[in-house]
Amino acid sequence: MIDWLIDKDIQLFIYLNSLGSVYWDGFWLILTNKFSAIPLYFILVYIIYKYFGLRKTILLVLLVAIMIFFSDQTSNLFKYSFKRLRPCHDETISSLMRLVKERCGGLYAFFSAHAANSMAIAVFFSFLLKSKFKYIPYFLIFWALLVAYSRIYIGVHFPLDVLTGVAFGVFYGFIFYKLYQFFLVRLTQ
């Protein structure tokens, strides 16, 4: 069963990765770059500051930093436990795929920290802002899914790496939103 699933994952990766074109490469490289989301993060922190004040914003920034730390470390734990090669490091398929980045990145792929981190941020802020901004959850989730897909497009993660990262991101985003609510009650007493 596992071999069948991995085989289908490789086939889906090759198909999705082959859909790319030189015309779109620049867009996906910008989207997958972790620094390109910094303006979005500043906007989110500004909105939080504007609606919630300084003390709650400081708590929020601290919790988001811890959330990203947990998400990253969980991804590293999985990568070094499962030791699944990135597609671009896997010699059996590297000739069948497009590597859009200049370099492949770390050796192991399972699971995508990019997908987990972006989804965790999207879920966390979606819960936090949904009562004030009706459409922000849709935008944030769409953004996180694009970042997740970009990892397949550029050739550094398989679809299961990305889907697992998205699932962990949803989990961490929800858990840390609940932690924020818990600490918020204590902060306002």
N, C-alpha and C. Protein backbone atom coordinates (compact mmCIF):
# COMPACT_ATOMS: atom_id res chain seq x y z
N MET A 1 0.82 -1.20 0.00
CA MET A 1 0.00 0.00 0.00
C MET A 1 0.86 1.27 0.00
N ILE A 2 1.89 1.30 0.86
CA ILE A 2 2.77 2.46 0.92
C ILE A 2 3.50 2.65 -0.40
N ASP A 3 3.99 1.55 -0.98
CA ASP A 3 4.70 1.65 -2.26
C ASP A 3 3.78 2.19 -3.36
N TRP A 4 2.53 1.74 -3.36
CA TRP A 4 1.55 2.22 -4.34
C TRP A 4 1.33 3.72 -4.16
N LEU A 5 1.17 4.16 -2.91
CA LEU A 5 0.93 5.57 -2.62
C LEU A 5 2.14 6.43 -3.05
N ILE A 6 3.33 5.97 -2.75
CA ILE A 6 4.54 6.71 -3.13
C ILE A 6 4.68 6.76 -4.65
N ASP A 7 4.35 5.66 -5.32
CA ASP A 7 4.40 5.63 -6.78
C ASP A 7 3.42 6.64 -7.38
N LYS A 8 2.20 6.68 -6.86
CA LYS A 8 1.20 7.65 -7.35
C LYS A 8 1.64 9.08 -7.04
N ASP A 9 2.26 9.28 -5.89
CA ASP A 9 2.75 10.60 -5.51
C ASP A 9 3.83 11.06 -6.50
N ILE A 10 4.72 10.17 -6.87
CA ILE A 10 5.77 10.50 -7.85
C ILE A 10 5.15 10.82 -9.20
N GLN A 11 4.19 10.01 -9.63
CA GLN A 11 3.52 10.26 -10.91
C GLN A 11 2.81 11.62 -10.92
N LEU A 12 2.12 11.92 -9.82
CA LEU A 12 1.41 13.20 -9.74
C LEU A 12 2.42 14.36 -9.72
N PHE A 13 3.52 14.18 -9.01
CA PHE A 13 4.55 15.22 -8.99
C PHE A 13 5.06 15.49 -10.40
N ILE A 14 5.42 14.44 -11.12
CA ILE A 14 5.97 14.61 -12.48
C ILE A 14 4.96 15.32 -13.37
N TYR A 15 3.69 14.95 -13.24
CA TYR A 15 2.64 15.60 -14.04
C TYR A 15 2.52 17.09 -13.69
N LEU A 16 2.36 17.39 -12.38
CA LEU A 16 2.17 18.78 -11.96
C LEU A 16 3.40 19.63 -12.24
N ASN A 17 4.56 19.08 -11.99
CA ASN A 17 5.80 19.81 -12.22
C ASN A 17 6.00 20.10 -13.71
N SER A 18 5.55 19.18 -14.56
CA SER A 18 5.74 19.36 -16.01
C SER A 18 4.78 20.40 -16.60
N LEU A 19 3.78 20.81 -15.85
CA LEU A 19 2.84 21.82 -16.34
C LEU A 19 3.46 23.22 -16.39
N GLY A 20 4.57 23.38 -15.71
CA GLY A 20 5.22 24.69 -15.65
C GLY A 20 5.77 25.14 -16.98
N SER A 21 6.00 26.45 -17.06
CA SER A 21 6.61 27.00 -18.26
C SER A 21 7.54 28.14 -17.86
N VAL A 22 8.50 28.43 -18.69
CA VAL A 22 9.47 29.49 -18.43
C VAL A 22 8.74 30.81 -18.18
N TYR A 23 7.63 31.02 -18.86
CA TYR A 23 6.85 32.25 -18.72
C TYR A 23 6.39 32.46 -17.28
N TRP A 24 6.03 31.40 -16.56
CA TRP A 24 5.50 31.49 -15.20
C TRP A 24 6.56 31.26 -14.12
N ASP A 25 7.74 30.84 -14.48
CA ASP A 25 8.76 30.50 -13.49
C ASP A 25 9.04 31.65 -12.52
N GLY A 26 9.17 32.86 -13.03
CA GLY A 26 9.47 34.01 -12.18
C GLY A 26 8.41 34.23 -11.12
N PHE A 27 7.15 34.12 -11.51
CA PHE A 27 6.04 34.29 -10.57
C PHE A 27 6.14 33.29 -9.43
N TRP A 28 6.36 32.01 -9.76
CA TRP A 28 6.41 30.97 -8.74
C TRP A 28 7.66 31.07 -7.88
N LEU A 29 8.76 31.53 -8.46
CA LEU A 29 9.98 31.74 -7.67
C LEU A 29 9.79 32.86 -6.64
N ILE A 30 9.10 33.92 -7.05
CA ILE A 30 8.81 35.00 -6.10
C ILE A 30 7.88 34.49 -5.01
N LEU A 31 6.84 33.78 -5.39
CA LEU A 31 5.85 33.29 -4.43
C LEU A 31 6.47 32.32 -3.43
N THR A 32 7.38 31.48 -3.88
CA THR A 32 7.96 30.47 -2.99
C THR A 32 9.06 31.04 -2.09
N ASN A 33 9.55 32.22 -2.42
CA ASN A 33 10.60 32.85 -1.61
C ASN A 33 10.00 33.32 -0.28
N LYS A 34 10.56 32.85 0.82
CA LYS A 34 9.99 33.16 2.14
C LYS A 34 10.02 34.65 2.44
N PHE A 35 10.91 35.40 1.83
CA PHE A 35 11.00 36.83 2.09
C PHE A 35 9.93 37.64 1.35
N SER A 36 9.35 37.06 0.30
CA SER A 36 8.33 37.80 -0.46
C SER A 36 7.04 37.99 0.33
N ALA A 37 6.84 37.22 1.39
CA ALA A 37 5.62 37.36 2.20
C ALA A 37 5.78 38.39 3.32
N ILE A 38 6.96 38.95 3.49
CA ILE A 38 7.18 39.91 4.58
C ILE A 38 6.21 41.09 4.51
N PRO A 39 5.94 41.68 3.34
CA PRO A 39 4.94 42.76 3.32
C PRO A 39 3.56 42.31 3.84
N LEU A 40 3.16 41.10 3.49
CA LEU A 40 1.89 40.57 3.98
C LEU A 40 1.91 40.46 5.50
N TYR A 41 3.01 39.98 6.05
CA TYR A 41 3.12 39.85 7.51
C TYR A 41 3.05 41.21 8.19
N PHE A 42 3.71 42.21 7.62
CA PHE A 42 3.65 43.56 8.20
C PHE A 42 2.23 44.11 8.16
N ILE A 43 1.53 43.87 7.06
CA ILE A 43 0.13 44.33 6.97
C ILE A 43 -0.72 43.64 8.03
N LEU A 44 -0.54 42.34 8.20
CA LEU A 44 -1.31 41.61 9.21
C LEU A 44 -1.02 42.12 10.62
N VAL A 45 0.25 42.35 10.92
CA VAL A 45 0.61 42.86 12.25
C VAL A 45 0.05 44.27 12.44
N TYR A 46 0.09 45.10 11.40
CA TYR A 46 -0.49 46.44 11.49
C TYR A 46 -1.99 46.37 11.77
N ILE A 47 -2.69 45.49 11.07
CA ILE A 47 -4.14 45.34 11.28
C ILE A 47 -4.41 44.89 12.72
N ILE A 48 -3.62 43.95 13.19
CA ILE A 48 -3.79 43.48 14.57
C ILE A 48 -3.54 44.62 15.55
N TYR A 49 -2.48 45.38 15.32
CA TYR A 49 -2.18 46.52 16.20
C TYR A 49 -3.33 47.53 16.19
N LYS A 50 -3.83 47.82 15.01
CA LYS A 50 -4.90 48.81 14.86
C LYS A 50 -6.18 48.37 15.60
N TYR A 51 -6.52 47.11 15.51
CA TYR A 51 -7.78 46.63 16.10
C TYR A 51 -7.64 46.08 17.51
N PHE A 52 -6.44 45.64 17.90
CA PHE A 52 -6.30 44.97 19.20
C PHE A 52 -5.36 45.69 20.18
N GLY A 53 -4.54 46.63 19.71
CA GLY A 53 -3.65 47.35 20.59
C GLY A 53 -2.29 46.69 20.73
N LEU A 54 -1.40 47.38 21.44
CA LEU A 54 0.00 46.97 21.52
C LEU A 54 0.21 45.70 22.32
N ARG A 55 -0.40 45.57 23.49
CA ARG A 55 -0.17 44.40 24.34
C ARG A 55 -0.61 43.11 23.64
N LYS A 56 -1.76 43.14 23.02
CA LYS A 56 -2.25 41.95 22.32
C LYS A 56 -1.41 41.65 21.08
N THR A 57 -0.92 42.70 20.43
CA THR A 57 -0.06 42.51 19.26
C THR A 57 1.26 41.86 19.65
N ILE A 58 1.83 42.28 20.76
CA ILE A 58 3.08 41.68 21.24
C ILE A 58 2.86 40.20 21.55
N LEU A 59 1.75 39.89 22.23
CA LEU A 59 1.42 38.49 22.51
C LEU A 59 1.26 37.70 21.22
N LEU A 60 0.58 38.29 20.27
CA LEU A 60 0.35 37.63 19.00
C LEU A 60 1.67 37.34 18.27
N VAL A 61 2.55 38.34 18.18
CA VAL A 61 3.83 38.16 17.49
C VAL A 61 4.65 37.07 18.17
N LEU A 62 4.65 37.07 19.49
CA LEU A 62 5.37 36.04 20.24
C LEU A 62 4.81 34.64 19.94
N LEU A 63 3.49 34.50 19.97
CA LEU A 63 2.88 33.20 19.70
C LEU A 63 3.10 32.75 18.25
N VAL A 64 3.04 33.67 17.32
CA VAL A 64 3.28 33.31 15.91
C VAL A 64 4.72 32.85 15.73
N ALA A 65 5.67 33.51 16.38
CA ALA A 65 7.07 33.09 16.29
C ALA A 65 7.24 31.68 16.87
N ILE A 66 6.60 31.41 17.99
CA ILE A 66 6.68 30.07 18.59
C ILE A 66 5.99 29.05 17.69
N MET A 67 4.88 29.43 17.08
CA MET A 67 4.16 28.54 16.17
C MET A 67 5.05 28.15 14.98
N ILE A 68 5.73 29.13 14.39
CA ILE A 68 6.62 28.84 13.26
C ILE A 68 7.78 27.97 13.71
N PHE A 69 8.30 28.23 14.90
CA PHE A 69 9.37 27.40 15.44
C PHE A 69 8.91 25.94 15.56
N PHE A 70 7.74 25.72 16.14
CA PHE A 70 7.21 24.35 16.29
C PHE A 70 6.97 23.71 14.92
N SER A 71 6.41 24.46 14.00
CA SER A 71 6.14 23.94 12.67
C SER A 71 7.44 23.54 11.96
N ASP A 72 8.43 24.42 12.02
CA ASP A 72 9.73 24.12 11.40
C ASP A 72 10.39 22.90 12.03
N GLN A 73 10.39 22.84 13.35
CA GLN A 73 11.05 21.73 14.04
C GLN A 73 10.33 20.41 13.81
N THR A 74 9.01 20.46 13.72
CA THR A 74 8.26 19.24 13.40
C THR A 74 8.62 18.76 12.00
N SER A 75 8.71 19.69 11.06
CA SER A 75 9.10 19.34 9.70
C SER A 75 10.49 18.72 9.68
N ASN A 76 11.43 19.33 10.39
CA ASN A 76 12.80 18.77 10.44
C ASN A 76 12.82 17.39 11.07
N LEU A 77 12.05 17.20 12.13
CA LEU A 77 11.95 15.90 12.77
C LEU A 77 11.46 14.84 11.78
N PHE A 78 10.43 15.17 11.02
CA PHE A 78 9.90 14.25 10.02
C PHE A 78 10.92 14.01 8.91
N LYS A 79 11.55 15.08 8.44
CA LYS A 79 12.51 14.94 7.34
C LYS A 79 13.64 13.99 7.71
N TYR A 80 14.17 14.14 8.91
CA TYR A 80 15.30 13.30 9.30
C TYR A 80 14.88 11.94 9.85
N SER A 81 13.59 11.77 10.10
CA SER A 81 13.08 10.45 10.49
C SER A 81 12.74 9.61 9.26
N PHE A 82 12.03 10.22 8.30
CA PHE A 82 11.60 9.48 7.11
C PHE A 82 12.68 9.45 6.02
N LYS A 83 13.49 10.48 5.95
CA LYS A 83 14.59 10.58 4.99
C LYS A 83 14.15 10.34 3.54
N ARG A 84 13.02 10.92 3.19
CA ARG A 84 12.56 10.86 1.81
C ARG A 84 13.27 11.95 1.02
N LEU A 85 13.96 11.56 -0.02
CA LEU A 85 14.71 12.52 -0.82
C LEU A 85 13.78 13.51 -1.51
N ARG A 86 14.27 14.73 -1.65
CA ARG A 86 13.56 15.70 -2.47
C ARG A 86 13.56 15.18 -3.91
N PRO A 87 12.55 15.55 -4.70
CA PRO A 87 12.52 15.08 -6.09
C PRO A 87 13.81 15.42 -6.85
N CYS A 88 14.34 16.60 -6.60
CA CYS A 88 15.54 17.04 -7.31
C CYS A 88 16.80 16.31 -6.84
N HIS A 89 16.74 15.62 -5.71
CA HIS A 89 17.87 14.80 -5.24
C HIS A 89 17.68 13.32 -5.57
N ASP A 90 16.50 12.95 -6.04
CA ASP A 90 16.18 11.57 -6.35
C ASP A 90 16.62 11.26 -7.79
N GLU A 91 17.69 10.52 -7.93
CA GLU A 91 18.26 10.25 -9.25
C GLU A 91 17.32 9.48 -10.16
N THR A 92 16.35 8.76 -9.60
CA THR A 92 15.43 7.98 -10.43
C THR A 92 14.44 8.86 -11.18
N ILE A 93 14.21 10.08 -10.70
CA ILE A 93 13.25 10.96 -11.39
C ILE A 93 13.81 12.33 -11.74
N SER A 94 15.01 12.66 -11.29
CA SER A 94 15.54 14.01 -11.51
C SER A 94 15.62 14.38 -13.00
N SER A 95 15.78 13.40 -13.87
CA SER A 95 15.83 13.70 -15.30
C SER A 95 14.44 13.90 -15.91
N LEU A 96 13.39 13.58 -15.16
CA LEU A 96 12.01 13.70 -15.66
C LEU A 96 11.32 14.97 -15.20
N MET A 97 12.01 15.79 -14.43
CA MET A 97 11.36 16.94 -13.81
C MET A 97 12.08 18.24 -14.16
N ARG A 98 11.39 19.34 -13.83
CA ARG A 98 11.97 20.67 -13.99
C ARG A 98 12.38 21.19 -12.61
N LEU A 99 13.63 21.54 -12.44
CA LEU A 99 14.07 22.22 -11.23
C LEU A 99 14.17 23.69 -11.60
N VAL A 100 13.28 24.48 -11.03
CA VAL A 100 13.19 25.88 -11.41
C VAL A 100 14.18 26.73 -10.60
N LYS A 101 14.45 26.34 -9.37
CA LYS A 101 15.40 27.06 -8.53
C LYS A 101 16.83 26.80 -9.02
N GLU A 102 17.74 27.67 -8.58
CA GLU A 102 19.15 27.47 -8.92
C GLU A 102 19.71 26.24 -8.24
N ARG A 103 19.24 25.98 -7.02
CA ARG A 103 19.71 24.81 -6.28
C ARG A 103 18.53 24.09 -5.66
N CYS A 104 18.75 22.86 -5.32
CA CYS A 104 17.67 22.00 -4.87
C CYS A 104 17.26 22.24 -3.42
N GLY A 105 18.17 22.59 -2.58
CA GLY A 105 17.85 22.76 -1.16
C GLY A 105 18.32 21.55 -0.38
N GLY A 106 17.82 21.41 0.83
CA GLY A 106 18.20 20.29 1.69
C GLY A 106 17.93 18.95 1.05
N LEU A 107 18.48 17.93 1.63
CA LEU A 107 18.41 16.59 1.05
C LEU A 107 17.00 15.99 1.14
N TYR A 108 16.30 16.24 2.23
CA TYR A 108 15.03 15.53 2.49
C TYR A 108 13.81 16.42 2.30
N ALA A 109 12.69 15.76 1.99
CA ALA A 109 11.50 16.49 1.57
C ALA A 109 10.29 16.36 2.48
N PHE A 110 10.14 15.27 3.20
CA PHE A 110 8.87 15.00 3.87
C PHE A 110 8.89 15.51 5.29
N PHE A 111 8.18 16.56 5.59
CA PHE A 111 7.19 17.28 4.84
C PHE A 111 7.62 18.73 4.63
N SER A 112 6.88 19.46 3.83
CA SER A 112 7.25 20.81 3.45
C SER A 112 7.00 21.81 4.58
N ALA A 113 8.09 22.40 5.07
CA ALA A 113 7.97 23.44 6.10
C ALA A 113 7.36 24.70 5.51
N HIS A 114 7.64 25.00 4.23
CA HIS A 114 7.03 26.16 3.58
C HIS A 114 5.50 26.04 3.62
N ALA A 115 5.01 24.86 3.23
CA ALA A 115 3.56 24.65 3.20
C ALA A 115 2.98 24.73 4.62
N ALA A 116 3.66 24.12 5.57
CA ALA A 116 3.17 24.12 6.96
C ALA A 116 3.16 25.53 7.53
N ASN A 117 4.24 26.27 7.37
CA ASN A 117 4.34 27.61 7.95
C ASN A 117 3.33 28.58 7.34
N SER A 118 3.23 28.58 6.01
CA SER A 118 2.29 29.51 5.38
C SER A 118 0.85 29.17 5.74
N MET A 119 0.52 27.88 5.82
CA MET A 119 -0.84 27.51 6.19
C MET A 119 -1.11 27.82 7.66
N ALA A 120 -0.13 27.60 8.53
CA ALA A 120 -0.31 27.92 9.95
C ALA A 120 -0.61 29.41 10.12
N ILE A 121 0.14 30.26 9.43
CA ILE A 121 -0.09 31.70 9.50
C ILE A 121 -1.47 32.05 8.95
N ALA A 122 -1.82 31.44 7.82
CA ALA A 122 -3.12 31.71 7.20
C ALA A 122 -4.28 31.31 8.12
N VAL A 123 -4.19 30.14 8.71
CA VAL A 123 -5.27 29.67 9.58
C VAL A 123 -5.34 30.52 10.84
N PHE A 124 -4.21 30.78 11.46
CA PHE A 124 -4.17 31.59 12.68
C PHE A 124 -4.83 32.95 12.45
N PHE A 125 -4.38 33.67 11.42
CA PHE A 125 -4.91 35.01 11.16
C PHE A 125 -6.34 34.96 10.63
N SER A 126 -6.71 33.89 9.95
CA SER A 126 -8.09 33.75 9.49
C SER A 126 -9.05 33.69 10.67
N PHE A 127 -8.72 32.86 11.65
CA PHE A 127 -9.56 32.79 12.85
C PHE A 127 -9.58 34.13 13.58
N LEU A 128 -8.44 34.76 13.65
CA LEU A 128 -8.31 36.00 14.41
C LEU A 128 -9.08 37.15 13.77
N LEU A 129 -9.11 37.22 12.44
CA LEU A 129 -9.66 38.39 11.75
C LEU A 129 -10.99 38.15 11.05
N LYS A 130 -11.51 36.93 11.10
CA LYS A 130 -12.72 36.64 10.32
C LYS A 130 -13.92 37.48 10.73
N SER A 131 -14.01 37.88 11.99
CA SER A 131 -15.16 38.68 12.42
C SER A 131 -15.04 40.14 11.97
N LYS A 132 -13.84 40.58 11.67
CA LYS A 132 -13.62 41.97 11.27
C LYS A 132 -13.53 42.13 9.75
N PHE A 133 -13.04 41.10 9.07
CA PHE A 133 -12.86 41.14 7.63
C PHE A 133 -13.43 39.85 7.04
N LYS A 134 -14.53 39.98 6.35
CA LYS A 134 -15.25 38.81 5.85
C LYS A 134 -14.42 37.95 4.89
N TYR A 135 -13.64 38.59 4.03
CA TYR A 135 -12.97 37.85 2.96
C TYR A 135 -11.51 37.52 3.25
N ILE A 136 -10.97 38.01 4.34
CA ILE A 136 -9.54 37.77 4.61
C ILE A 136 -9.21 36.28 4.77
N PRO A 137 -10.07 35.47 5.39
CA PRO A 137 -9.72 34.04 5.45
C PRO A 137 -9.57 33.41 4.07
N TYR A 138 -10.44 33.77 3.13
CA TYR A 138 -10.34 33.21 1.78
C TYR A 138 -9.03 33.62 1.12
N PHE A 139 -8.67 34.89 1.27
CA PHE A 139 -7.43 35.37 0.68
C PHE A 139 -6.23 34.66 1.29
N LEU A 140 -6.19 34.57 2.63
CA LEU A 140 -5.04 33.97 3.30
C LEU A 140 -4.89 32.48 2.98
N ILE A 141 -6.00 31.76 2.97
CA ILE A 141 -5.93 30.32 2.65
C ILE A 141 -5.50 30.13 1.19
N PHE A 142 -6.04 30.96 0.31
CA PHE A 142 -5.64 30.89 -1.11
C PHE A 142 -4.15 31.16 -1.25
N TRP A 143 -3.65 32.19 -0.56
CA TRP A 143 -2.22 32.51 -0.59
C TRP A 143 -1.39 31.32 -0.10
N ALA A 144 -1.80 30.73 1.02
CA ALA A 144 -1.05 29.59 1.59
C ALA A 144 -1.05 28.40 0.64
N LEU A 145 -2.16 28.15 -0.02
CA LEU A 145 -2.23 27.05 -0.98
C LEU A 145 -1.34 27.31 -2.20
N LEU A 146 -1.27 28.57 -2.63
CA LEU A 146 -0.36 28.91 -3.73
C LEU A 146 1.10 28.69 -3.32
N VAL A 147 1.44 29.10 -2.11
CA VAL A 147 2.81 28.88 -1.62
C VAL A 147 3.09 27.38 -1.57
N ALA A 148 2.13 26.61 -1.08
CA ALA A 148 2.30 25.16 -1.00
C ALA A 148 2.52 24.56 -2.40
N TYR A 149 1.68 24.95 -3.36
CA TYR A 149 1.82 24.43 -4.72
C TYR A 149 3.14 24.85 -5.35
N SER A 150 3.62 26.03 -4.99
CA SER A 150 4.87 26.52 -5.57
C SER A 150 6.03 25.56 -5.31
N ARG A 151 5.95 24.82 -4.22
CA ARG A 151 7.01 23.88 -3.88
C ARG A 151 7.06 22.70 -4.87
N ILE A 152 5.90 22.31 -5.37
CA ILE A 152 5.83 21.28 -6.42
C ILE A 152 6.30 21.88 -7.74
N TYR A 153 5.79 23.07 -8.05
CA TYR A 153 6.12 23.72 -9.31
C TYR A 153 7.62 23.88 -9.50
N ILE A 154 8.31 24.34 -8.44
CA ILE A 154 9.75 24.59 -8.61
C ILE A 154 10.58 23.32 -8.52
N GLY A 155 9.97 22.20 -8.09
CA GLY A 155 10.63 20.90 -8.15
C GLY A 155 11.30 20.44 -6.87
N VAL A 156 10.90 20.97 -5.71
CA VAL A 156 11.59 20.60 -4.48
C VAL A 156 10.75 19.77 -3.51
N HIS A 157 9.46 19.56 -3.81
CA HIS A 157 8.62 18.74 -2.94
C HIS A 157 7.61 17.93 -3.77
N PHE A 158 7.31 16.75 -3.26
CA PHE A 158 6.26 15.91 -3.82
C PHE A 158 4.90 16.39 -3.29
N PRO A 159 3.81 16.04 -3.97
CA PRO A 159 2.49 16.43 -3.48
C PRO A 159 2.19 15.98 -2.05
N LEU A 160 2.59 14.77 -1.66
CA LEU A 160 2.33 14.32 -0.29
C LEU A 160 3.12 15.13 0.74
N ASP A 161 4.29 15.60 0.37
CA ASP A 161 5.07 16.48 1.25
C ASP A 161 4.28 17.76 1.51
N VAL A 162 3.70 18.28 0.45
CA VAL A 162 2.96 19.53 0.52
C VAL A 162 1.64 19.34 1.28
N LEU A 163 0.91 18.28 0.95
CA LEU A 163 -0.37 18.03 1.64
C LEU A 163 -0.17 17.79 3.13
N THR A 164 0.88 17.07 3.48
CA THR A 164 1.17 16.84 4.89
C THR A 164 1.54 18.16 5.56
N GLY A 165 2.33 18.98 4.88
CA GLY A 165 2.68 20.29 5.42
C GLY A 165 1.46 21.16 5.63
N VAL A 166 0.54 21.14 4.67
CA VAL A 166 -0.70 21.90 4.81
C VAL A 166 -1.50 21.40 6.02
N ALA A 167 -1.59 20.09 6.19
CA ALA A 167 -2.34 19.53 7.33
C ALA A 167 -1.71 19.95 8.66
N PHE A 168 -0.38 19.87 8.75
CA PHE A 168 0.28 20.33 9.97
C PHE A 168 0.08 21.82 10.19
N GLY A 169 0.08 22.58 9.11
CA GLY A 169 -0.16 24.02 9.21
C GLY A 169 -1.54 24.34 9.76
N VAL A 170 -2.55 23.63 9.26
CA VAL A 170 -3.91 23.81 9.78
C VAL A 170 -3.94 23.49 11.26
N PHE A 171 -3.32 22.38 11.64
CA PHE A 171 -3.29 21.96 13.05
C PHE A 171 -2.62 23.03 13.92
N TYR A 172 -1.42 23.45 13.53
CA TYR A 172 -0.70 24.43 14.34
C TYR A 172 -1.41 25.78 14.36
N GLY A 173 -1.96 26.21 13.22
CA GLY A 173 -2.69 27.47 13.18
C GLY A 173 -3.87 27.47 14.14
N PHE A 174 -4.62 26.37 14.17
CA PHE A 174 -5.77 26.27 15.06
C PHE A 174 -5.33 26.21 16.52
N ILE A 175 -4.36 25.36 16.83
CA ILE A 175 -3.88 25.21 18.22
C ILE A 175 -3.35 26.53 18.76
N PHE A 176 -2.56 27.23 17.97
CA PHE A 176 -1.99 28.48 18.46
C PHE A 176 -3.02 29.60 18.52
N TYR A 177 -4.05 29.54 17.69
CA TYR A 177 -5.16 30.49 17.84
C TYR A 177 -5.86 30.25 19.17
N LYS A 178 -6.07 28.98 19.53
CA LYS A 178 -6.68 28.65 20.82
C LYS A 178 -5.78 29.11 21.98
N LEU A 179 -4.47 28.94 21.83
CA LEU A 179 -3.53 29.43 22.85
C LEU A 179 -3.61 30.95 22.98
N TYR A 180 -3.72 31.63 21.84
CA TYR A 180 -3.87 33.08 21.86
C TYR A 180 -5.12 33.47 22.64
N GLN A 181 -6.22 32.81 22.38
CA GLN A 181 -7.46 33.09 23.12
C GLN A 181 -7.27 32.84 24.61
N PHE A 182 -6.61 31.75 24.97
CA PHE A 182 -6.37 31.39 26.36
C PHE A 182 -5.56 32.49 27.06
N PHE A 183 -4.46 32.91 26.43
CA PHE A 183 -3.62 33.94 27.03
C PHE A 183 -4.28 35.31 26.99
N LEU A 184 -5.09 35.54 25.99
CA LEU A 184 -5.79 36.82 25.87
C LEU A 184 -6.73 37.04 27.04
N VAL A 185 -7.43 35.99 27.47
CA VAL A 185 -8.32 36.08 28.62
C VAL A 185 -7.52 36.49 29.86
N ARG A 186 -6.36 35.90 30.04
CA ARG A 186 -5.53 36.22 31.20
C ARG A 186 -4.91 37.62 31.09
N LEU A 187 -4.63 38.05 29.87
CA LEU A 187 -4.04 39.36 29.65
C LEU A 187 -5.03 40.50 29.95
N THR A 188 -6.30 40.23 29.69
CA THR A 188 -7.32 41.27 29.85
C THR A 188 -7.96 41.27 31.23
N GLN A 189 -7.56 40.38 32.11
CA GLN A 189 -8.15 40.34 33.46
C GLN A 189 -7.48 41.35 34.37
